[in-house]
N, C-alpha and C. Protein backbone atom coordinates (compact mmCIF):
# COMPACT_ATOMS: atom_id res chain seq x y z
N MET A 1 -16.28 -24.50 -4.74
CA MET A 1 -15.27 -23.76 -4.00
C MET A 1 -14.98 -24.51 -2.70
N ASN A 2 -13.76 -24.60 -2.36
CA ASN A 2 -13.28 -25.29 -1.18
C ASN A 2 -13.82 -24.64 0.10
N LEU A 3 -14.26 -25.44 1.06
CA LEU A 3 -14.79 -24.90 2.32
C LEU A 3 -13.75 -24.09 3.07
N ARG A 4 -12.48 -24.48 2.99
CA ARG A 4 -11.40 -23.73 3.66
C ARG A 4 -11.29 -22.32 3.09
N ILE A 5 -11.42 -22.20 1.76
CA ILE A 5 -11.35 -20.88 1.12
C ILE A 5 -12.54 -20.03 1.55
N ILE A 6 -13.73 -20.63 1.55
CA ILE A 6 -14.93 -19.90 1.97
C ILE A 6 -14.79 -19.44 3.41
N PHE A 7 -14.34 -20.33 4.30
CA PHE A 7 -14.14 -19.97 5.70
C PHE A 7 -13.12 -18.84 5.83
N SER A 8 -12.01 -18.94 5.09
CA SER A 8 -10.98 -17.90 5.13
C SER A 8 -11.53 -16.56 4.68
N PHE A 9 -12.35 -16.59 3.62
CA PHE A 9 -12.94 -15.36 3.10
C PHE A 9 -13.84 -14.70 4.16
N PHE A 10 -14.74 -15.47 4.77
CA PHE A 10 -15.64 -14.89 5.77
C PHE A 10 -14.90 -14.47 7.03
N THR A 11 -13.86 -15.21 7.40
CA THR A 11 -13.04 -14.80 8.55
C THR A 11 -12.34 -13.49 8.25
N MET A 12 -11.84 -13.33 7.01
CA MET A 12 -11.18 -12.09 6.61
C MET A 12 -12.16 -10.92 6.66
N ILE A 13 -13.38 -11.12 6.16
CA ILE A 13 -14.39 -10.06 6.19
C ILE A 13 -14.69 -9.67 7.64
N LEU A 14 -14.89 -10.65 8.51
CA LEU A 14 -15.15 -10.36 9.92
C LEU A 14 -13.98 -9.62 10.54
N PHE A 15 -12.76 -10.07 10.29
CA PHE A 15 -11.55 -9.43 10.80
C PHE A 15 -11.48 -7.97 10.35
N LEU A 16 -11.77 -7.73 9.08
CA LEU A 16 -11.68 -6.37 8.55
C LEU A 16 -12.76 -5.48 9.14
N GLN A 17 -13.94 -6.04 9.41
CA GLN A 17 -15.01 -5.24 10.01
C GLN A 17 -14.65 -4.84 11.44
N VAL A 18 -14.06 -5.75 12.20
CA VAL A 18 -13.65 -5.44 13.57
C VAL A 18 -12.50 -4.44 13.56
N GLU A 19 -11.58 -4.57 12.60
CA GLU A 19 -10.39 -3.71 12.53
C GLU A 19 -10.78 -2.25 12.35
N SER A 20 -11.74 -1.99 11.50
CA SER A 20 -12.14 -0.62 11.26
C SER A 20 -13.60 -0.58 10.83
N VAL A 21 -14.46 -0.22 11.77
CA VAL A 21 -15.89 -0.23 11.53
C VAL A 21 -16.27 0.68 10.38
N TYR A 22 -15.56 1.77 10.19
CA TYR A 22 -15.92 2.75 9.17
C TYR A 22 -15.00 2.69 7.95
N SER A 23 -14.50 1.53 7.62
CA SER A 23 -13.63 1.42 6.46
C SER A 23 -14.47 1.21 5.21
N LEU A 24 -13.87 1.53 4.07
CA LEU A 24 -14.50 1.35 2.77
C LEU A 24 -13.69 0.34 1.99
N GLU A 25 -14.30 -0.78 1.64
CA GLU A 25 -13.62 -1.78 0.83
C GLU A 25 -13.59 -1.29 -0.61
N ILE A 26 -12.40 -1.12 -1.15
CA ILE A 26 -12.24 -0.59 -2.50
C ILE A 26 -12.12 -1.72 -3.51
N ALA A 27 -11.34 -2.74 -3.19
CA ALA A 27 -11.13 -3.85 -4.12
C ALA A 27 -11.01 -5.16 -3.36
N SER A 28 -11.57 -6.22 -3.94
CA SER A 28 -11.41 -7.58 -3.44
C SER A 28 -11.00 -8.44 -4.61
N CYS A 29 -9.86 -9.10 -4.48
CA CYS A 29 -9.27 -9.83 -5.61
C CYS A 29 -8.82 -11.22 -5.15
N ARG A 30 -8.59 -12.10 -6.12
CA ARG A 30 -8.31 -13.49 -5.75
C ARG A 30 -7.30 -14.16 -6.68
N ASN A 31 -6.76 -15.25 -6.18
CA ASN A 31 -5.93 -16.19 -6.93
C ASN A 31 -4.83 -15.55 -7.78
N PRO A 32 -3.90 -14.82 -7.17
CA PRO A 32 -2.81 -14.24 -7.97
C PRO A 32 -1.90 -15.33 -8.54
N LYS A 33 -1.54 -15.15 -9.82
CA LYS A 33 -0.63 -16.09 -10.49
C LYS A 33 0.42 -15.29 -11.23
N GLY A 34 1.60 -15.86 -11.33
CA GLY A 34 2.67 -15.19 -12.05
C GLY A 34 3.96 -15.96 -11.94
N HIS A 35 5.05 -15.22 -11.73
CA HIS A 35 6.38 -15.80 -11.66
C HIS A 35 7.18 -15.21 -10.50
N ALA A 36 8.13 -15.97 -10.01
CA ALA A 36 9.04 -15.51 -8.96
C ALA A 36 10.47 -15.84 -9.38
N PHE A 37 11.38 -14.94 -9.05
CA PHE A 37 12.81 -15.15 -9.30
C PHE A 37 13.48 -15.32 -7.94
N TYR A 38 14.01 -16.52 -7.69
CA TYR A 38 14.67 -16.82 -6.43
C TYR A 38 16.17 -16.61 -6.60
N HIS A 39 16.75 -15.77 -5.76
CA HIS A 39 18.15 -15.39 -5.88
C HIS A 39 19.11 -16.56 -5.69
N ASP A 40 18.73 -17.51 -4.82
CA ASP A 40 19.65 -18.61 -4.53
C ASP A 40 19.77 -19.61 -5.68
N ILE A 41 18.75 -19.71 -6.53
CA ILE A 41 18.84 -20.63 -7.68
C ILE A 41 18.92 -19.89 -9.01
N GLU A 42 18.82 -18.55 -8.96
CA GLU A 42 18.94 -17.68 -10.13
C GLU A 42 18.10 -18.17 -11.30
N ASN A 43 16.81 -18.32 -11.03
CA ASN A 43 15.91 -18.83 -12.04
C ASN A 43 14.48 -18.36 -11.77
N TRP A 44 13.74 -18.10 -12.85
CA TRP A 44 12.32 -17.76 -12.73
C TRP A 44 11.52 -19.05 -12.62
N GLN A 45 10.50 -19.03 -11.74
CA GLN A 45 9.60 -20.17 -11.57
C GLN A 45 8.17 -19.67 -11.54
N ARG A 46 7.25 -20.52 -12.01
CA ARG A 46 5.83 -20.19 -11.88
C ARG A 46 5.49 -20.09 -10.40
N ASP A 47 4.62 -19.14 -10.09
CA ASP A 47 4.27 -18.91 -8.70
C ASP A 47 2.82 -18.47 -8.64
N GLY A 48 2.12 -18.82 -7.61
CA GLY A 48 0.74 -18.41 -7.44
C GLY A 48 0.25 -18.76 -6.06
N ILE A 49 -0.90 -18.21 -5.71
CA ILE A 49 -1.50 -18.50 -4.41
C ILE A 49 -2.95 -18.91 -4.67
N THR A 50 -3.17 -20.22 -4.84
CA THR A 50 -4.52 -20.72 -5.06
C THR A 50 -5.34 -20.47 -3.80
N GLY A 51 -6.47 -19.83 -3.96
CA GLY A 51 -7.30 -19.47 -2.81
C GLY A 51 -6.84 -18.20 -2.13
N GLY A 52 -5.80 -17.56 -2.64
CA GLY A 52 -5.32 -16.32 -2.06
C GLY A 52 -6.30 -15.19 -2.28
N LEU A 53 -6.46 -14.34 -1.31
CA LEU A 53 -7.35 -13.17 -1.39
C LEU A 53 -6.56 -11.91 -1.07
N THR A 54 -6.86 -10.84 -1.77
CA THR A 54 -6.25 -9.54 -1.53
C THR A 54 -7.36 -8.51 -1.46
N THR A 55 -7.39 -7.72 -0.39
CA THR A 55 -8.42 -6.70 -0.21
C THR A 55 -7.76 -5.35 0.07
N LEU A 56 -8.19 -4.33 -0.67
CA LEU A 56 -7.73 -2.96 -0.46
C LEU A 56 -8.85 -2.20 0.22
N GLN A 57 -8.51 -1.49 1.30
CA GLN A 57 -9.49 -0.70 2.05
C GLN A 57 -8.99 0.71 2.26
N LYS A 58 -9.93 1.65 2.30
CA LYS A 58 -9.64 3.00 2.77
C LYS A 58 -10.26 3.10 4.15
N LEU A 59 -9.43 3.40 5.14
CA LEU A 59 -9.87 3.44 6.53
C LEU A 59 -10.44 4.81 6.87
N ASN A 60 -11.15 4.87 8.00
CA ASN A 60 -11.80 6.13 8.37
C ASN A 60 -10.82 7.24 8.70
N ASP A 61 -9.55 6.93 8.92
CA ASP A 61 -8.53 7.98 9.15
C ASP A 61 -7.94 8.49 7.84
N GLY A 62 -8.49 8.01 6.68
CA GLY A 62 -8.02 8.45 5.38
C GLY A 62 -6.84 7.65 4.84
N LYS A 63 -6.31 6.76 5.66
CA LYS A 63 -5.18 5.93 5.21
C LYS A 63 -5.72 4.65 4.58
N TYR A 64 -4.81 3.94 3.93
CA TYR A 64 -5.18 2.70 3.24
C TYR A 64 -4.58 1.50 3.95
N ASP A 65 -5.20 0.33 3.73
CA ASP A 65 -4.66 -0.93 4.22
C ASP A 65 -4.88 -1.98 3.14
N ILE A 66 -3.98 -2.92 3.06
CA ILE A 66 -4.12 -4.08 2.20
C ILE A 66 -4.07 -5.29 3.12
N SER A 67 -5.05 -6.17 2.97
CA SER A 67 -5.09 -7.40 3.74
C SER A 67 -5.07 -8.56 2.77
N ILE A 68 -4.42 -9.64 3.17
CA ILE A 68 -4.34 -10.81 2.32
C ILE A 68 -4.67 -12.07 3.11
N VAL A 69 -5.10 -13.09 2.39
CA VAL A 69 -5.09 -14.46 2.90
C VAL A 69 -3.98 -15.13 2.11
N ASP A 70 -2.92 -15.55 2.80
CA ASP A 70 -1.73 -16.04 2.12
C ASP A 70 -1.80 -17.55 1.85
N VAL A 71 -0.71 -18.10 1.37
CA VAL A 71 -0.64 -19.50 1.00
C VAL A 71 -0.90 -20.43 2.20
N ARG A 72 -0.64 -19.94 3.42
CA ARG A 72 -0.91 -20.72 4.63
C ARG A 72 -2.34 -20.58 5.10
N LYS A 73 -3.14 -19.78 4.34
CA LYS A 73 -4.53 -19.45 4.69
C LYS A 73 -4.59 -18.57 5.94
N LYS A 74 -3.54 -17.80 6.15
CA LYS A 74 -3.45 -16.88 7.28
C LYS A 74 -3.85 -15.48 6.81
N ILE A 75 -4.65 -14.79 7.61
CA ILE A 75 -5.07 -13.42 7.30
C ILE A 75 -4.01 -12.46 7.82
N ILE A 76 -3.55 -11.56 6.95
CA ILE A 76 -2.55 -10.58 7.34
C ILE A 76 -3.02 -9.20 6.91
N SER A 77 -3.12 -8.29 7.87
CA SER A 77 -3.35 -6.87 7.59
C SER A 77 -1.97 -6.22 7.58
N PHE A 78 -1.59 -5.62 6.45
CA PHE A 78 -0.25 -5.05 6.35
C PHE A 78 -0.03 -3.94 7.37
N ARG A 79 -1.02 -3.10 7.59
CA ARG A 79 -0.86 -2.02 8.59
C ARG A 79 -0.74 -2.58 9.99
N GLN A 80 -1.59 -3.54 10.35
CA GLN A 80 -1.51 -4.12 11.69
C GLN A 80 -0.20 -4.88 11.89
N ASP A 81 0.38 -5.34 10.80
CA ASP A 81 1.63 -6.09 10.87
C ASP A 81 2.86 -5.18 10.82
N GLY A 82 2.63 -3.85 10.82
CA GLY A 82 3.74 -2.90 10.86
C GLY A 82 4.13 -2.30 9.53
N GLY A 83 3.40 -2.66 8.47
CA GLY A 83 3.70 -2.13 7.14
C GLY A 83 3.07 -0.75 6.93
N GLU A 84 3.49 -0.10 5.86
CA GLU A 84 2.96 1.21 5.50
C GLU A 84 2.43 1.12 4.07
N ILE A 85 1.26 1.70 3.83
CA ILE A 85 0.62 1.70 2.51
C ILE A 85 0.52 3.14 2.04
N LEU A 86 1.06 3.41 0.85
CA LEU A 86 1.02 4.76 0.28
C LEU A 86 0.36 4.73 -1.09
N LEU A 87 -0.55 5.67 -1.34
CA LEU A 87 -1.13 5.83 -2.67
C LEU A 87 -0.11 6.56 -3.53
N LEU A 88 0.35 5.92 -4.61
CA LEU A 88 1.36 6.53 -5.48
C LEU A 88 0.74 7.30 -6.63
N ARG A 89 -0.31 6.74 -7.22
CA ARG A 89 -0.99 7.42 -8.32
C ARG A 89 -2.40 6.89 -8.43
N LYS A 90 -3.28 7.73 -8.99
CA LYS A 90 -4.68 7.35 -9.14
C LYS A 90 -5.21 7.97 -10.42
N GLY A 91 -5.83 7.15 -11.26
CA GLY A 91 -6.47 7.63 -12.48
C GLY A 91 -7.95 7.29 -12.45
N THR A 92 -8.60 7.43 -13.58
CA THR A 92 -10.04 7.14 -13.63
C THR A 92 -10.32 5.65 -13.66
N ARG A 93 -9.35 4.84 -14.13
CA ARG A 93 -9.57 3.40 -14.25
C ARG A 93 -8.52 2.57 -13.51
N GLU A 94 -7.60 3.22 -12.78
CA GLU A 94 -6.55 2.47 -12.08
C GLU A 94 -5.96 3.27 -10.93
N ALA A 95 -5.32 2.54 -10.02
CA ALA A 95 -4.61 3.17 -8.91
C ALA A 95 -3.46 2.24 -8.51
N THR A 96 -2.35 2.84 -8.07
CA THR A 96 -1.18 2.07 -7.64
C THR A 96 -0.81 2.46 -6.22
N PHE A 97 -0.54 1.46 -5.40
CA PHE A 97 -0.18 1.64 -4.00
C PHE A 97 1.16 0.98 -3.74
N MET A 98 1.94 1.56 -2.83
CA MET A 98 3.20 0.96 -2.42
C MET A 98 3.04 0.47 -0.98
N HIS A 99 3.48 -0.75 -0.75
CA HIS A 99 3.49 -1.34 0.58
C HIS A 99 4.95 -1.58 0.96
N ILE A 100 5.35 -1.08 2.13
CA ILE A 100 6.73 -1.29 2.56
C ILE A 100 6.80 -1.73 4.02
N TYR A 101 7.72 -2.65 4.27
CA TYR A 101 8.23 -2.96 5.59
C TYR A 101 9.69 -2.54 5.48
N PRO A 102 10.07 -1.41 6.05
CA PRO A 102 11.44 -0.91 5.86
C PRO A 102 12.50 -1.99 6.11
N GLY A 103 13.40 -2.13 5.14
CA GLY A 103 14.50 -3.07 5.26
C GLY A 103 14.20 -4.50 4.86
N THR A 104 12.91 -4.82 4.58
CA THR A 104 12.61 -6.21 4.25
C THR A 104 11.78 -6.38 2.97
N VAL A 105 10.70 -5.61 2.82
CA VAL A 105 9.77 -5.82 1.71
C VAL A 105 9.39 -4.50 1.06
N ILE A 106 9.35 -4.52 -0.27
CA ILE A 106 8.78 -3.41 -1.05
C ILE A 106 7.84 -4.06 -2.05
N GLU A 107 6.59 -3.59 -2.08
CA GLU A 107 5.62 -4.14 -3.02
C GLU A 107 4.84 -3.01 -3.68
N LEU A 108 4.53 -3.19 -4.95
CA LEU A 108 3.65 -2.28 -5.68
C LEU A 108 2.39 -3.05 -6.06
N TYR A 109 1.24 -2.51 -5.70
CA TYR A 109 -0.05 -3.10 -6.04
C TYR A 109 -0.77 -2.14 -6.97
N THR A 110 -1.19 -2.64 -8.13
CA THR A 110 -1.97 -1.84 -9.07
C THR A 110 -3.32 -2.53 -9.26
N PHE A 111 -4.38 -1.75 -9.13
CA PHE A 111 -5.74 -2.21 -9.33
C PHE A 111 -6.29 -1.43 -10.52
N TRP A 112 -6.91 -2.12 -11.50
CA TRP A 112 -7.41 -1.41 -12.67
C TRP A 112 -8.62 -2.11 -13.27
N ILE A 113 -9.35 -1.36 -14.06
CA ILE A 113 -10.46 -1.89 -14.84
C ILE A 113 -9.99 -1.93 -16.29
N GLY A 114 -9.98 -3.14 -16.87
CA GLY A 114 -9.50 -3.32 -18.23
C GLY A 114 -10.49 -2.82 -19.27
N LEU A 115 -10.06 -2.81 -20.50
CA LEU A 115 -10.92 -2.38 -21.60
C LEU A 115 -12.15 -3.27 -21.75
N ASP A 116 -12.04 -4.52 -21.26
CA ASP A 116 -13.17 -5.45 -21.31
C ASP A 116 -14.15 -5.23 -20.16
N GLY A 117 -13.84 -4.25 -19.27
CA GLY A 117 -14.72 -3.95 -18.14
C GLY A 117 -14.45 -4.80 -16.91
N LYS A 118 -13.53 -5.76 -16.99
CA LYS A 118 -13.21 -6.61 -15.85
C LYS A 118 -12.18 -5.94 -14.96
N ALA A 119 -12.30 -6.18 -13.66
CA ALA A 119 -11.36 -5.62 -12.69
C ALA A 119 -10.20 -6.59 -12.47
N HIS A 120 -8.99 -6.04 -12.36
CA HIS A 120 -7.77 -6.83 -12.21
C HIS A 120 -6.88 -6.21 -11.13
N PHE A 121 -5.90 -7.00 -10.70
CA PHE A 121 -4.83 -6.44 -9.88
C PHE A 121 -3.53 -7.12 -10.24
N ARG A 122 -2.45 -6.41 -9.98
CA ARG A 122 -1.11 -6.92 -10.24
C ARG A 122 -0.23 -6.44 -9.10
N TYR A 123 0.70 -7.28 -8.69
CA TYR A 123 1.68 -6.79 -7.72
C TYR A 123 3.06 -7.28 -8.05
N HIS A 124 4.01 -6.43 -7.70
CA HIS A 124 5.44 -6.71 -7.83
C HIS A 124 5.99 -6.67 -6.40
N SER A 125 6.77 -7.65 -6.05
CA SER A 125 7.28 -7.75 -4.69
C SER A 125 8.77 -8.04 -4.71
N LYS A 126 9.50 -7.37 -3.83
CA LYS A 126 10.93 -7.64 -3.61
C LYS A 126 11.11 -7.88 -2.14
N GLN A 127 11.51 -9.09 -1.78
CA GLN A 127 11.72 -9.46 -0.39
C GLN A 127 13.17 -9.84 -0.20
N GLY A 128 13.81 -9.20 0.78
CA GLY A 128 15.24 -9.39 0.93
C GLY A 128 15.68 -10.19 2.13
N ARG A 129 15.17 -9.89 3.30
CA ARG A 129 15.66 -10.57 4.51
C ARG A 129 15.05 -11.94 4.70
N ARG A 130 13.85 -12.14 4.15
CA ARG A 130 13.23 -13.45 4.27
C ARG A 130 13.96 -14.42 3.36
N GLN A 131 14.09 -15.65 3.80
CA GLN A 131 14.80 -16.65 3.01
C GLN A 131 13.82 -17.54 2.30
N PRO A 132 14.01 -17.90 1.05
CA PRO A 132 15.07 -17.35 0.21
C PRO A 132 14.66 -15.98 -0.34
N ALA A 133 15.64 -15.10 -0.54
CA ALA A 133 15.37 -13.78 -1.10
C ALA A 133 14.82 -13.96 -2.52
N HIS A 134 13.79 -13.18 -2.85
CA HIS A 134 13.19 -13.33 -4.17
C HIS A 134 12.39 -12.10 -4.56
N CYS A 135 12.03 -12.05 -5.83
CA CYS A 135 11.12 -11.02 -6.32
C CYS A 135 10.02 -11.73 -7.11
N THR A 136 8.82 -11.18 -7.09
CA THR A 136 7.70 -11.81 -7.76
C THR A 136 6.90 -10.79 -8.55
N GLN A 137 6.18 -11.29 -9.52
CA GLN A 137 5.18 -10.50 -10.24
C GLN A 137 3.99 -11.42 -10.45
N LYS A 138 2.82 -11.01 -9.93
CA LYS A 138 1.62 -11.82 -10.03
C LYS A 138 0.44 -10.95 -10.40
N CYS A 139 -0.55 -11.57 -11.05
CA CYS A 139 -1.79 -10.89 -11.43
C CYS A 139 -2.97 -11.75 -11.03
N GLY A 140 -4.12 -11.10 -10.86
CA GLY A 140 -5.35 -11.83 -10.55
C GLY A 140 -6.56 -11.00 -10.92
N LEU A 141 -7.74 -11.60 -10.78
CA LEU A 141 -8.99 -10.92 -11.06
C LEU A 141 -9.63 -10.41 -9.78
N CYS A 142 -10.43 -9.38 -9.89
CA CYS A 142 -11.14 -8.82 -8.75
C CYS A 142 -12.64 -8.97 -8.99
N TRP A 143 -13.40 -9.17 -7.93
CA TRP A 143 -14.85 -9.19 -8.08
C TRP A 143 -15.46 -7.89 -7.58
N ARG A 144 -14.63 -7.01 -7.06
CA ARG A 144 -15.10 -5.69 -6.63
C ARG A 144 -13.98 -4.70 -6.87
N LEU A 145 -14.32 -3.58 -7.49
CA LEU A 145 -13.35 -2.51 -7.69
C LEU A 145 -14.10 -1.23 -7.98
């Protein structure tokens, strides 16, 4: 494993611990891969974030947060960045959350345990004001759920 990825992971854990001492980490997932449709070229392309990390937390105020390490290896907490996270549905083996930045981004994150017992996540994203405008669908594995 790349030292940069390991450093990013431990920095993210430290960041999340400082952000909310009494938070509960629900899911930790990595390396989302899938496809993106870019509006300016009107074509689907393979897309992924090698070394990308996604963490779902329930905070001590009862609200949720999703934090990521993005393609730039930058840690982003959606709530601290002005986003809103809503639990849309929850079952015995899966849950879906909506992340929104009004007027710019809408994302759906689903975390589930497959029939094989492995934990997975999937997200759908629609980004409008950022250039180039695009929508994505990516999936990855989780080591905690």
